N, C-alpha and C. Protein backbone atom coordinates (compact mmCIF):
# COMPACT_ATOMS: atom_id res chain seq x y z
N UNK A 1 0.85 -1.19 0.00
CA UNK A 1 0.00 0.00 0.00
C UNK A 1 0.89 1.25 0.00
N UNK A 2 1.88 1.27 0.93
CA UNK A 2 2.78 2.41 0.99
C UNK A 2 3.60 2.56 -0.28
N UNK A 3 3.98 1.44 -0.90
CA UNK A 3 4.74 1.48 -2.15
C UNK A 3 3.92 2.09 -3.25
N UNK A 4 2.64 1.75 -3.31
CA UNK A 4 1.76 2.29 -4.37
C UNK A 4 1.61 3.80 -4.20
N UNK A 5 1.49 4.27 -2.96
CA UNK A 5 1.36 5.74 -2.74
C UNK A 5 2.63 6.47 -3.15
N UNK A 6 3.79 5.87 -2.88
CA UNK A 6 5.05 6.54 -3.22
C UNK A 6 5.22 6.67 -4.72
N UNK A 7 4.85 5.58 -5.45
CA UNK A 7 4.94 5.62 -6.92
C UNK A 7 4.03 6.67 -7.48
N UNK A 8 2.82 6.74 -6.92
CA UNK A 8 1.86 7.72 -7.43
C UNK A 8 2.35 9.14 -7.20
N UNK A 9 2.95 9.37 -6.02
CA UNK A 9 3.46 10.73 -5.71
C UNK A 9 4.58 11.11 -6.65
N UNK A 10 5.47 10.18 -6.98
CA UNK A 10 6.58 10.45 -7.89
C UNK A 10 6.09 10.80 -9.28
N UNK A 11 5.05 10.06 -9.74
CA UNK A 11 4.50 10.31 -11.09
C UNK A 11 3.89 11.68 -11.16
N UNK A 12 3.15 12.06 -10.12
CA UNK A 12 2.49 13.38 -10.13
C UNK A 12 3.53 14.49 -10.12
N UNK A 13 4.60 14.31 -9.34
CA UNK A 13 5.65 15.35 -9.28
C UNK A 13 6.35 15.52 -10.62
N UNK A 14 6.61 14.39 -11.31
CA UNK A 14 7.27 14.46 -12.61
C UNK A 14 6.41 15.17 -13.62
N UNK A 15 5.09 14.87 -13.57
CA UNK A 15 4.18 15.51 -14.53
C UNK A 15 4.12 17.00 -14.31
N UNK A 16 4.11 17.43 -13.04
CA UNK A 16 4.04 18.86 -12.75
C UNK A 16 5.34 19.58 -13.05
N UNK A 17 6.48 18.92 -12.88
CA UNK A 17 7.77 19.58 -13.11
C UNK A 17 8.14 19.67 -14.57
N UNK A 18 7.56 18.83 -15.43
CA UNK A 18 7.93 18.83 -16.87
C UNK A 18 7.74 20.17 -17.54
N UNK A 19 6.53 20.78 -17.47
CA UNK A 19 6.34 22.09 -18.14
C UNK A 19 7.29 23.17 -17.63
N UNK A 20 7.57 23.15 -16.29
CA UNK A 20 8.47 24.20 -15.74
C UNK A 20 9.87 24.08 -16.31
N UNK A 21 10.38 22.81 -16.42
CA UNK A 21 11.72 22.63 -17.00
C UNK A 21 11.76 23.02 -18.46
N UNK A 22 10.66 22.74 -19.14
CA UNK A 22 10.61 23.09 -20.57
C UNK A 22 10.66 24.59 -20.77
N UNK A 23 10.05 25.35 -19.81
CA UNK A 23 10.07 26.81 -19.93
C UNK A 23 11.44 27.37 -19.61
N UNK A 24 12.18 26.71 -18.65
CA UNK A 24 13.49 27.25 -18.24
C UNK A 24 14.57 27.01 -19.27
N UNK A 25 14.60 25.86 -19.94
CA UNK A 25 15.65 25.54 -20.91
C UNK A 25 15.16 25.79 -22.32
N UNK A 26 15.93 26.45 -23.14
CA UNK A 26 15.53 26.67 -24.54
C UNK A 26 15.57 25.37 -25.30
N UNK A 27 14.80 25.31 -26.33
CA UNK A 27 14.78 24.11 -27.17
C UNK A 27 16.13 23.94 -27.82
N UNK A 28 16.72 22.76 -27.63
CA UNK A 28 18.01 22.47 -28.24
C UNK A 28 17.85 22.26 -29.75
N UNK A 29 18.93 22.74 -30.50
CA UNK A 29 18.90 22.55 -31.96
C UNK A 29 18.25 23.70 -32.69
N UNK A 30 17.68 24.65 -31.97
CA UNK A 30 17.05 25.79 -32.62
C UNK A 30 17.90 27.04 -32.41
N UNK A 31 18.06 27.84 -33.45
CA UNK A 31 18.84 29.07 -33.38
C UNK A 31 18.11 30.11 -32.54
N UNK A 32 18.88 30.91 -31.74
CA UNK A 32 18.22 31.94 -30.93
C UNK A 32 17.59 33.00 -31.82
N UNK A 33 16.47 33.48 -31.37
CA UNK A 33 15.76 34.48 -32.16
C UNK A 33 16.51 35.80 -32.12
N UNK A 34 16.66 36.45 -33.27
CA UNK A 34 17.35 37.74 -33.38
C UNK A 34 16.53 38.84 -32.75
N UNK A 35 17.26 39.78 -32.12
CA UNK A 35 16.56 40.90 -31.52
C UNK A 35 16.13 41.89 -32.60
N UNK A 36 15.01 42.49 -32.39
CA UNK A 36 14.57 43.47 -33.40
C UNK A 36 15.53 44.65 -33.46
N UNK A 37 15.80 45.19 -34.63
CA UNK A 37 16.75 46.31 -34.76
C UNK A 37 16.28 47.54 -33.97
N UNK A 38 17.32 48.22 -33.40
CA UNK A 38 17.00 49.43 -32.63
C UNK A 38 16.79 50.60 -33.58
N UNK A 39 15.73 51.28 -33.41
CA UNK A 39 15.41 52.42 -34.27
C UNK A 39 16.19 53.64 -33.79
N UNK A 40 17.07 54.22 -34.67
CA UNK A 40 17.88 55.39 -34.34
C UNK A 40 17.17 56.66 -34.81
N UNK A 41 17.10 57.61 -33.90
CA UNK A 41 16.45 58.88 -34.23
C UNK A 41 17.48 59.80 -34.84
N UNK A 42 17.31 60.22 -36.09
CA UNK A 42 18.32 61.08 -36.72
C UNK A 42 18.45 62.41 -35.99
N UNK A 43 19.74 62.89 -35.94
CA UNK A 43 20.00 64.18 -35.29
C UNK A 43 19.42 65.31 -36.14
N UNK A 44 18.95 66.34 -35.48
CA UNK A 44 18.37 67.45 -36.25
C UNK A 44 19.42 68.12 -37.12
N UNK A 45 19.08 68.46 -38.32
CA UNK A 45 20.00 69.10 -39.27
C UNK A 45 20.38 70.49 -38.77
N UNK A 46 21.70 70.83 -38.92
CA UNK A 46 22.17 72.14 -38.50
C UNK A 46 21.60 73.23 -39.40
N UNK A 47 21.20 74.31 -38.77
CA UNK A 47 20.64 75.41 -39.55
C UNK A 47 21.75 76.15 -40.29
N UNK A 48 21.50 76.47 -41.53
CA UNK A 48 22.48 77.21 -42.33
C UNK A 48 22.65 78.61 -41.78
N UNK A 49 23.92 79.12 -41.69
CA UNK A 49 24.11 80.47 -41.17
C UNK A 49 23.47 81.52 -42.07
N UNK A 50 22.95 82.51 -41.42
CA UNK A 50 22.29 83.58 -42.16
C UNK A 50 23.36 84.58 -42.64
N UNK A 51 23.48 84.76 -43.92
CA UNK A 51 24.46 85.68 -44.51
C UNK A 51 23.80 87.03 -44.74
N UNK A 52 24.37 88.05 -44.06
CA UNK A 52 23.77 89.38 -44.22
C UNK A 52 24.21 90.01 -45.53
N UNK A 53 23.26 90.44 -46.28
CA UNK A 53 23.55 91.08 -47.55
C UNK A 53 23.96 92.53 -47.32
N UNK A 54 25.03 92.99 -47.98
CA UNK A 54 25.44 94.39 -47.80
C UNK A 54 24.37 95.35 -48.28
N UNK A 55 24.29 96.46 -47.60
CA UNK A 55 23.31 97.48 -47.96
C UNK A 55 23.78 98.24 -49.20
N UNK A 56 22.90 98.94 -49.87
CA UNK A 56 23.33 99.74 -51.03
C UNK A 56 24.43 100.74 -50.70
N UNK A 57 24.37 101.33 -49.50
CA UNK A 57 25.42 102.29 -49.12
C UNK A 57 26.77 101.59 -48.98
N UNK A 58 26.77 100.38 -48.41
CA UNK A 58 28.02 99.63 -48.27
C UNK A 58 28.57 99.22 -49.63
N UNK A 59 27.70 98.82 -50.53
CA UNK A 59 28.14 98.45 -51.87
C UNK A 59 28.75 99.66 -52.60
N UNK A 60 28.14 100.81 -52.43
CA UNK A 60 28.66 102.02 -53.08
C UNK A 60 30.01 102.41 -52.49
N UNK A 61 30.16 102.29 -51.17
CA UNK A 61 31.44 102.60 -50.54
C UNK A 61 32.53 101.65 -51.02
N UNK A 62 32.21 100.36 -51.16
CA UNK A 62 33.18 99.40 -51.65
C UNK A 62 33.57 99.69 -53.09
N UNK A 63 32.60 100.11 -53.90
CA UNK A 63 32.88 100.44 -55.29
C UNK A 63 33.84 101.62 -55.39
N UNK A 64 33.65 102.61 -54.51
CA UNK A 64 34.53 103.77 -54.53
C UNK A 64 35.94 103.40 -54.08
N UNK A 65 36.03 102.52 -53.07
CA UNK A 65 37.36 102.07 -52.62
C UNK A 65 38.08 101.32 -53.73
N UNK A 66 37.34 100.49 -54.46
CA UNK A 66 37.95 99.74 -55.56
C UNK A 66 38.45 100.68 -56.66
N UNK A 67 37.72 101.78 -56.89
CA UNK A 67 38.14 102.73 -57.92
C UNK A 67 39.42 103.46 -57.51
N UNK A 68 39.58 103.70 -56.19
CA UNK A 68 40.75 104.45 -55.72
C UNK A 68 41.95 103.56 -55.44
N UNK A 69 41.74 102.27 -55.23
CA UNK A 69 42.84 101.40 -54.80
C UNK A 69 43.62 100.87 -56.00
N UNK A 70 44.88 100.51 -55.72
CA UNK A 70 45.75 99.95 -56.74
C UNK A 70 46.70 98.99 -56.05
N UNK A 71 47.04 97.91 -56.71
CA UNK A 71 47.97 96.95 -56.14
C UNK A 71 49.38 97.56 -56.11
N UNK A 72 50.11 97.31 -55.02
CA UNK A 72 51.45 97.88 -54.86
C UNK A 72 52.37 97.45 -55.99
N UNK A 73 52.23 96.21 -56.44
CA UNK A 73 53.08 95.74 -57.54
C UNK A 73 52.84 96.55 -58.80
N UNK A 74 51.58 96.86 -59.09
CA UNK A 74 51.27 97.69 -60.26
C UNK A 74 51.82 99.11 -60.08
N UNK A 75 51.75 99.61 -58.84
CA UNK A 75 52.26 100.96 -58.58
C UNK A 75 53.76 101.02 -58.82
N UNK A 76 54.48 100.00 -58.39
CA UNK A 76 55.93 99.97 -58.61
C UNK A 76 56.26 99.85 -60.09
N UNK A 77 55.47 99.09 -60.82
CA UNK A 77 55.72 98.94 -62.25
C UNK A 77 55.54 100.27 -62.98
N UNK A 78 54.51 101.02 -62.62
CA UNK A 78 54.31 102.33 -63.24
C UNK A 78 55.45 103.28 -62.88
N UNK A 79 55.86 103.25 -61.62
CA UNK A 79 56.93 104.13 -61.18
C UNK A 79 58.24 103.79 -61.87
N UNK A 80 58.51 102.51 -62.03
CA UNK A 80 59.73 102.09 -62.71
C UNK A 80 59.74 102.52 -64.17
N UNK A 81 58.58 102.41 -64.81
CA UNK A 81 58.49 102.80 -66.22
C UNK A 81 58.65 104.30 -66.39
N UNK A 82 58.12 105.07 -65.42
CA UNK A 82 58.16 106.53 -65.54
C UNK A 82 59.51 107.11 -65.14
N UNK A 83 60.18 106.50 -64.16
CA UNK A 83 61.40 107.09 -63.62
C UNK A 83 62.66 106.30 -63.94
N UNK A 84 62.52 105.05 -64.36
CA UNK A 84 63.68 104.21 -64.61
C UNK A 84 64.24 103.56 -63.36
N UNK A 85 63.60 103.75 -62.21
CA UNK A 85 64.07 103.14 -60.97
C UNK A 85 63.84 101.63 -61.02
N UNK A 86 64.74 100.90 -60.37
CA UNK A 86 64.63 99.45 -60.31
C UNK A 86 64.33 99.03 -58.87
N UNK A 87 63.44 98.05 -58.72
CA UNK A 87 63.00 97.64 -57.40
C UNK A 87 63.26 96.14 -57.22
N UNK A 88 63.71 95.80 -56.03
CA UNK A 88 63.86 94.40 -55.63
C UNK A 88 62.93 94.21 -54.42
N UNK A 89 61.86 93.45 -54.62
CA UNK A 89 60.77 93.39 -53.65
C UNK A 89 60.78 92.05 -52.93
N UNK A 90 60.77 92.10 -51.61
CA UNK A 90 60.66 90.89 -50.78
C UNK A 90 59.32 90.21 -51.07
N UNK A 91 59.28 88.89 -51.20
CA UNK A 91 58.02 88.21 -51.54
C UNK A 91 56.92 88.40 -50.49
N UNK A 92 57.28 88.81 -49.29
CA UNK A 92 56.27 89.05 -48.25
C UNK A 92 55.61 90.43 -48.37
N UNK A 93 56.11 91.24 -49.29
CA UNK A 93 55.58 92.60 -49.45
C UNK A 93 54.37 92.54 -50.38
N UNK A 94 53.19 92.73 -49.80
CA UNK A 94 51.94 92.74 -50.58
C UNK A 94 51.02 93.79 -49.96
N UNK A 95 50.40 94.59 -50.79
CA UNK A 95 49.50 95.62 -50.27
C UNK A 95 48.57 96.10 -51.36
N UNK A 96 47.37 96.47 -50.93
CA UNK A 96 46.41 97.13 -51.80
C UNK A 96 46.35 98.58 -51.35
N UNK A 97 46.89 99.47 -52.15
CA UNK A 97 47.06 100.86 -51.77
C UNK A 97 45.78 101.62 -52.08
N UNK A 98 45.25 102.31 -51.05
CA UNK A 98 44.02 103.08 -51.19
C UNK A 98 44.32 104.52 -50.82
N UNK A 99 44.29 105.42 -51.79
CA UNK A 99 44.60 106.83 -51.55
C UNK A 99 43.45 107.69 -52.05
N UNK A 100 43.35 108.89 -51.47
CA UNK A 100 42.33 109.86 -51.89
C UNK A 100 43.04 111.18 -52.19
N UNK A 101 43.10 111.65 -53.42
CA UNK A 101 42.67 110.92 -54.63
C UNK A 101 43.66 109.82 -54.99
N UNK A 102 43.29 109.02 -55.94
CA UNK A 102 44.13 107.90 -56.34
C UNK A 102 45.45 108.38 -56.93
N UNK A 103 46.54 107.73 -56.50
CA UNK A 103 47.87 108.07 -57.01
C UNK A 103 48.23 107.11 -58.14
N UNK A 104 48.48 107.65 -59.30
CA UNK A 104 48.83 106.81 -60.44
C UNK A 104 50.32 106.49 -60.47
N UNK A 105 51.14 107.52 -60.37
CA UNK A 105 52.60 107.34 -60.37
C UNK A 105 53.18 108.19 -59.25
N UNK A 106 53.50 107.59 -58.10
CA UNK A 106 53.98 108.39 -56.96
C UNK A 106 55.42 108.84 -57.14
N UNK A 107 55.77 109.90 -56.44
CA UNK A 107 57.18 110.29 -56.34
C UNK A 107 57.86 109.31 -55.37
N UNK A 108 59.19 109.42 -55.28
CA UNK A 108 59.89 108.51 -54.37
C UNK A 108 59.51 108.79 -52.91
N UNK A 109 59.33 110.09 -52.57
CA UNK A 109 58.91 110.44 -51.22
C UNK A 109 57.51 109.87 -50.92
N UNK A 110 56.62 109.94 -51.89
CA UNK A 110 55.27 109.38 -51.70
C UNK A 110 55.33 107.87 -51.57
N UNK A 111 56.20 107.23 -52.33
CA UNK A 111 56.33 105.78 -52.24
C UNK A 111 56.80 105.36 -50.84
N UNK A 112 57.77 106.09 -50.30
CA UNK A 112 58.26 105.77 -48.95
C UNK A 112 57.15 105.91 -47.92
N UNK A 113 56.30 106.92 -48.08
CA UNK A 113 55.18 107.10 -47.15
C UNK A 113 54.19 105.96 -47.29
N UNK A 114 53.90 105.56 -48.51
CA UNK A 114 52.98 104.43 -48.74
C UNK A 114 53.54 103.16 -48.10
N UNK A 115 54.82 102.94 -48.28
CA UNK A 115 55.44 101.74 -47.69
C UNK A 115 55.39 101.78 -46.17
N UNK A 116 55.66 102.93 -45.58
CA UNK A 116 55.63 103.03 -44.11
C UNK A 116 54.23 102.75 -43.57
N UNK A 117 53.22 103.29 -44.22
CA UNK A 117 51.84 103.09 -43.76
C UNK A 117 51.47 101.61 -43.78
N UNK A 118 52.00 100.87 -44.74
CA UNK A 118 51.67 99.45 -44.87
C UNK A 118 52.67 98.54 -44.17
N UNK A 119 53.62 99.13 -43.43
CA UNK A 119 54.54 98.32 -42.64
C UNK A 119 55.75 97.82 -43.40
N UNK A 120 56.22 98.60 -44.39
CA UNK A 120 57.39 98.21 -45.17
C UNK A 120 58.43 99.33 -45.16
N UNK A 121 59.63 98.97 -45.55
CA UNK A 121 60.73 99.94 -45.59
C UNK A 121 61.51 99.73 -46.89
N UNK A 122 62.25 100.77 -47.27
CA UNK A 122 63.01 100.71 -48.53
C UNK A 122 64.37 101.35 -48.33
N UNK A 123 65.35 100.84 -49.06
CA UNK A 123 66.70 101.41 -49.08
C UNK A 123 67.35 101.03 -50.40
N UNK A 124 68.13 101.95 -50.93
CA UNK A 124 68.80 101.68 -52.21
C UNK A 124 70.09 100.92 -51.97
N UNK A 125 70.22 99.78 -52.63
CA UNK A 125 71.40 98.93 -52.51
C UNK A 125 71.82 98.50 -53.92
N UNK A 126 73.02 98.89 -54.31
CA UNK A 126 73.54 98.48 -55.61
C UNK A 126 72.70 98.94 -56.79
N UNK A 127 72.16 100.14 -56.70
CA UNK A 127 71.38 100.69 -57.80
C UNK A 127 69.93 100.22 -57.84
N UNK A 128 69.52 99.40 -56.88
CA UNK A 128 68.13 98.95 -56.80
C UNK A 128 67.55 99.33 -55.44
N UNK A 129 66.28 99.65 -55.44
CA UNK A 129 65.59 99.96 -54.20
C UNK A 129 65.06 98.65 -53.63
N UNK A 130 65.61 98.24 -52.50
CA UNK A 130 65.15 97.02 -51.83
C UNK A 130 63.96 97.36 -50.93
N UNK A 131 62.88 96.60 -51.07
CA UNK A 131 61.67 96.82 -50.27
C UNK A 131 61.43 95.57 -49.44
N UNK A 132 61.39 95.76 -48.11
CA UNK A 132 61.28 94.63 -47.19
C UNK A 132 60.29 95.00 -46.09
N UNK A 133 59.81 94.03 -45.30
CA UNK A 133 59.02 94.36 -44.11
C UNK A 133 59.84 95.25 -43.17
N UNK A 134 59.17 96.20 -42.52
CA UNK A 134 59.93 97.17 -41.71
C UNK A 134 60.63 96.53 -40.51
N UNK A 135 60.27 95.29 -40.15
CA UNK A 135 61.00 94.60 -39.09
C UNK A 135 62.46 94.36 -39.48
N UNK A 136 62.75 94.39 -40.79
CA UNK A 136 64.11 94.20 -41.27
C UNK A 136 64.81 95.52 -41.59
N UNK A 137 64.17 96.64 -41.27
CA UNK A 137 64.73 97.94 -41.65
C UNK A 137 66.08 98.18 -41.00
N UNK A 138 66.28 97.72 -39.78
CA UNK A 138 67.55 97.96 -39.08
C UNK A 138 68.73 97.26 -39.74
N UNK A 139 68.44 96.29 -40.60
CA UNK A 139 69.52 95.58 -41.29
C UNK A 139 69.83 96.18 -42.65
N UNK A 140 69.08 97.18 -43.06
CA UNK A 140 69.33 97.82 -44.34
C UNK A 140 70.48 98.82 -44.21
N UNK A 141 71.25 99.01 -45.28
CA UNK A 141 72.36 99.97 -45.24
C UNK A 141 71.85 101.40 -45.39
N UNK A 142 71.12 101.87 -44.37
CA UNK A 142 70.60 103.23 -44.42
C UNK A 142 71.74 104.24 -44.30
N UNK A 143 71.51 105.41 -44.83
CA UNK A 143 72.57 106.42 -44.82
C UNK A 143 72.77 107.00 -43.41
N UNK A 144 74.02 107.34 -43.10
CA UNK A 144 74.35 107.97 -41.82
C UNK A 144 74.18 109.48 -42.00
N UNK A 145 73.19 110.04 -41.34
CA UNK A 145 72.83 111.44 -41.54
C UNK A 145 73.04 112.19 -40.22
N UNK A 146 74.14 112.92 -40.13
CA UNK A 146 74.47 113.63 -38.89
C UNK A 146 73.90 115.04 -38.86
N UNK A 147 73.64 115.62 -40.00
CA UNK A 147 73.07 116.96 -40.08
C UNK A 147 71.75 116.91 -40.84
N UNK A 148 70.85 117.80 -40.45
CA UNK A 148 69.55 117.85 -41.11
C UNK A 148 69.72 118.27 -42.57
N UNK A 149 68.89 117.67 -43.40
CA UNK A 149 68.94 117.92 -44.84
C UNK A 149 67.51 117.90 -45.37
N UNK A 150 67.06 119.04 -45.83
CA UNK A 150 65.67 119.16 -46.29
C UNK A 150 65.38 118.33 -47.54
N UNK A 151 66.42 117.88 -48.23
CA UNK A 151 66.20 117.10 -49.44
C UNK A 151 65.90 115.63 -49.13
N UNK A 152 66.10 115.21 -47.89
CA UNK A 152 65.85 113.82 -47.51
C UNK A 152 64.37 113.65 -47.22
N UNK A 153 63.71 112.67 -47.82
CA UNK A 153 62.28 112.44 -47.54
C UNK A 153 62.04 112.09 -46.07
N UNK A 154 60.94 112.57 -45.53
CA UNK A 154 60.63 112.35 -44.12
C UNK A 154 60.53 110.87 -43.76
N UNK A 155 60.08 110.03 -44.68
CA UNK A 155 59.85 108.62 -44.38
C UNK A 155 61.00 107.72 -44.84
N UNK A 156 62.13 108.32 -45.18
CA UNK A 156 63.31 107.50 -45.48
C UNK A 156 63.98 107.09 -44.17
N UNK A 157 64.37 105.82 -44.07
CA UNK A 157 65.07 105.34 -42.88
C UNK A 157 66.52 105.81 -42.93
N UNK A 158 66.96 106.44 -41.83
CA UNK A 158 68.33 106.93 -41.73
C UNK A 158 68.89 106.54 -40.35
N UNK A 159 70.20 106.70 -40.22
CA UNK A 159 70.89 106.42 -38.95
C UNK A 159 71.58 107.69 -38.48
N UNK A 160 71.54 107.92 -37.16
CA UNK A 160 72.21 109.10 -36.60
C UNK A 160 72.85 108.72 -35.27
N UNK A 161 74.03 109.30 -35.02
CA UNK A 161 74.72 109.12 -33.75
C UNK A 161 74.71 110.46 -33.03
N UNK A 162 74.15 110.49 -31.84
CA UNK A 162 74.01 111.72 -31.06
C UNK A 162 74.94 111.64 -29.84
N UNK A 163 75.82 112.59 -29.72
CA UNK A 163 76.70 112.66 -28.55
C UNK A 163 75.99 113.44 -27.46
N UNK A 164 75.81 112.80 -26.31
CA UNK A 164 75.08 113.43 -25.22
C UNK A 164 75.48 112.79 -23.90
N UNK A 165 75.54 113.54 -22.82
CA UNK A 165 75.87 112.93 -21.53
C UNK A 165 74.74 112.03 -21.04
N UNK A 166 75.14 111.02 -20.30
CA UNK A 166 74.17 110.09 -19.68
C UNK A 166 73.26 109.44 -20.71
N UNK A 167 73.84 109.05 -21.85
CA UNK A 167 73.05 108.43 -22.91
C UNK A 167 72.34 107.15 -22.46
N UNK A 168 72.96 106.26 -21.66
CA UNK A 168 72.25 105.03 -21.26
C UNK A 168 70.96 105.31 -20.52
N UNK A 169 70.90 106.39 -19.74
CA UNK A 169 69.67 106.71 -19.00
C UNK A 169 68.58 107.24 -19.92
N UNK A 170 68.97 107.80 -21.06
CA UNK A 170 67.98 108.34 -21.99
C UNK A 170 67.28 107.26 -22.79
N UNK A 171 67.90 106.10 -22.91
CA UNK A 171 67.30 105.03 -23.71
C UNK A 171 65.92 104.66 -23.17
N UNK A 172 65.80 104.53 -21.84
CA UNK A 172 64.51 104.16 -21.24
C UNK A 172 63.45 105.22 -21.48
N UNK A 173 63.86 106.47 -21.60
CA UNK A 173 62.91 107.57 -21.84
C UNK A 173 62.49 107.62 -23.29
N UNK A 174 63.44 107.39 -24.19
CA UNK A 174 63.18 107.59 -25.62
C UNK A 174 62.58 106.37 -26.32
N UNK A 175 62.88 105.16 -25.84
CA UNK A 175 62.46 103.97 -26.56
C UNK A 175 60.95 103.88 -26.77
N UNK A 176 60.11 104.27 -25.79
CA UNK A 176 58.66 104.22 -26.04
C UNK A 176 58.18 105.16 -27.14
N UNK A 177 59.02 106.13 -27.53
CA UNK A 177 58.64 107.07 -28.58
C UNK A 177 58.95 106.54 -29.97
N UNK A 178 59.54 105.35 -30.04
CA UNK A 178 59.95 104.79 -31.32
C UNK A 178 59.11 103.55 -31.64
N UNK A 179 58.88 103.29 -32.92
CA UNK A 179 58.18 102.06 -33.31
C UNK A 179 59.08 100.85 -33.13
N UNK A 180 58.49 99.68 -33.21
CA UNK A 180 59.28 98.45 -33.05
C UNK A 180 60.33 98.30 -34.14
N UNK A 181 60.08 98.85 -35.30
CA UNK A 181 61.03 98.71 -36.41
C UNK A 181 62.28 99.56 -36.21
N UNK A 182 62.23 100.54 -35.30
CA UNK A 182 63.37 101.43 -35.08
C UNK A 182 64.40 100.75 -34.18
N UNK A 183 65.59 101.35 -34.16
CA UNK A 183 66.67 100.84 -33.31
C UNK A 183 67.22 101.99 -32.48
N UNK A 184 67.46 101.72 -31.18
CA UNK A 184 68.02 102.72 -30.29
C UNK A 184 68.95 102.02 -29.31
N UNK A 185 70.18 102.51 -29.21
CA UNK A 185 71.16 101.93 -28.29
C UNK A 185 72.07 103.03 -27.80
N UNK A 186 72.75 102.75 -26.68
CA UNK A 186 73.65 103.74 -26.08
C UNK A 186 75.05 103.18 -25.98
N UNK A 187 76.02 104.08 -26.12
CA UNK A 187 77.44 103.73 -25.97
C UNK A 187 78.04 104.67 -24.92
N UNK A 188 78.67 104.07 -23.90
CA UNK A 188 79.24 104.88 -22.82
C UNK A 188 80.65 105.34 -23.19
N UNK A 189 80.92 106.62 -22.89
CA UNK A 189 82.24 107.16 -23.20
C UNK A 189 83.28 106.83 -22.15
N UNK A 190 82.85 106.27 -21.02
CA UNK A 190 83.78 105.95 -19.94
C UNK A 190 83.43 106.70 -18.68
N UNK A 191 83.93 106.20 -17.55
CA UNK A 191 83.62 106.84 -16.27
C UNK A 191 84.18 108.25 -16.18
N UNK A 192 85.30 108.47 -16.83
CA UNK A 192 85.93 109.79 -16.77
C UNK A 192 85.39 110.75 -17.82
N UNK A 193 84.65 110.23 -18.79
CA UNK A 193 84.14 111.07 -19.88
C UNK A 193 82.64 110.83 -20.09
N UNK A 194 81.78 111.11 -19.11
CA UNK A 194 80.35 110.88 -19.30
C UNK A 194 79.74 111.75 -20.38
N UNK A 195 80.39 112.88 -20.65
CA UNK A 195 79.85 113.76 -21.69
C UNK A 195 80.08 113.20 -23.08
N UNK A 196 80.88 112.16 -23.20
CA UNK A 196 81.16 111.56 -24.50
C UNK A 196 80.28 110.35 -24.79
N UNK A 197 79.24 110.13 -23.97
CA UNK A 197 78.27 109.05 -24.25
C UNK A 197 77.58 109.34 -25.57
N UNK A 198 77.13 108.27 -26.22
CA UNK A 198 76.51 108.43 -27.53
C UNK A 198 75.22 107.59 -27.62
N UNK A 199 74.27 108.12 -28.36
CA UNK A 199 73.04 107.41 -28.72
C UNK A 199 73.10 107.05 -30.20
N UNK A 200 72.76 105.82 -30.52
CA UNK A 200 72.67 105.38 -31.91
C UNK A 200 71.20 105.13 -32.20
N UNK A 201 70.68 105.85 -33.17
CA UNK A 201 69.27 105.74 -33.50
C UNK A 201 69.11 105.48 -34.99
N UNK A 202 68.20 104.57 -35.34
CA UNK A 202 67.85 104.29 -36.73
C UNK A 202 66.32 104.28 -36.83
N UNK A 203 65.79 105.19 -37.61
CA UNK A 203 64.34 105.31 -37.78
C UNK A 203 64.08 106.18 -39.00
N UNK A 204 62.83 106.50 -39.23
CA UNK A 204 62.53 107.42 -40.33
C UNK A 204 63.14 108.78 -40.01
N UNK A 205 63.46 109.52 -41.05
CA UNK A 205 64.15 110.80 -40.87
C UNK A 205 63.33 111.76 -40.01
N UNK A 206 62.02 111.80 -40.20
CA UNK A 206 61.19 112.71 -39.40
C UNK A 206 61.26 112.35 -37.93
N UNK A 207 61.30 111.08 -37.59
CA UNK A 207 61.36 110.69 -36.19
C UNK A 207 62.76 110.89 -35.62
N UNK A 208 63.79 110.71 -36.44
CA UNK A 208 65.16 110.97 -35.99
C UNK A 208 65.32 112.45 -35.62
N UNK A 209 64.75 113.32 -36.41
CA UNK A 209 64.81 114.75 -36.09
C UNK A 209 64.08 115.05 -34.78
N UNK A 210 62.95 114.41 -34.59
CA UNK A 210 62.18 114.63 -33.36
C UNK A 210 62.96 114.16 -32.13
N UNK A 211 63.55 112.96 -32.22
CA UNK A 211 64.32 112.44 -31.09
C UNK A 211 65.54 113.33 -30.81
N UNK A 212 66.17 113.83 -31.86
CA UNK A 212 67.33 114.72 -31.69
C UNK A 212 66.94 115.97 -30.93
N UNK A 213 65.79 116.53 -31.28
CA UNK A 213 65.32 117.75 -30.59
C UNK A 213 64.98 117.46 -29.13
N UNK A 214 64.40 116.30 -28.86
CA UNK A 214 64.08 115.93 -27.48
C UNK A 214 65.35 115.78 -26.67
N UNK A 215 66.37 115.11 -27.23
CA UNK A 215 67.63 114.94 -26.53
C UNK A 215 68.27 116.28 -26.25
N UNK A 216 68.29 117.18 -27.20
CA UNK A 216 68.89 118.50 -27.00
C UNK A 216 68.17 119.28 -25.91
N UNK A 217 66.85 119.12 -25.87
CA UNK A 217 66.09 119.83 -24.85
C UNK A 217 66.35 119.26 -23.46
N UNK A 218 66.45 117.95 -23.35
CA UNK A 218 66.67 117.32 -22.06
C UNK A 218 68.07 117.56 -21.48
N UNK A 219 69.02 117.81 -22.34
CA UNK A 219 70.42 117.91 -21.88
C UNK A 219 70.94 119.34 -21.87
N UNK A 220 70.07 120.29 -22.05
CA UNK A 220 70.54 121.69 -22.02
C UNK A 220 70.93 122.10 -20.61
């Protein structure tokens, strides 16, 4: 009797456990089902930048500037043809010259002013006018001009040596008055000869004259 009850209990347990085991283990021999693809939401398109159209007044102003402007290379070509001067131009020298009124063929003094305004310098070397960025002006063989000369253009780079006492102390005062392209240095005459100190200055002629007058005023 007890044996029959035990067998019956085992059969009932097996029948009840079968579906649960079938749910826990995947069917062998069958490939796993692929997951559905993930839907990607496209990023919003970037808005095109709004380009402001120039006003009629701006267009007219640009047209007038174009009428007055001329390329520096063309200006040098005209000047060379008219005067016979020869130019050797550094490849970094580029400018669109805008003058009022427009200059067709400048004089040499006007050319030096145009070059200075655009950050360039010129010096004659071996019969040719060398044009370079003004940062290289101190390396040009500028003329040594100890006395004022009205025939020298104001924007020509020149060198001057000024004898003045206490020249080293003047450098700190004068250097802020000069552009970066200029050169200013002091030479001491010795402890026994302070009056023989010298200032060496290289800049445009107009600024050299100004510095000379300042030094004379300070040392009177």
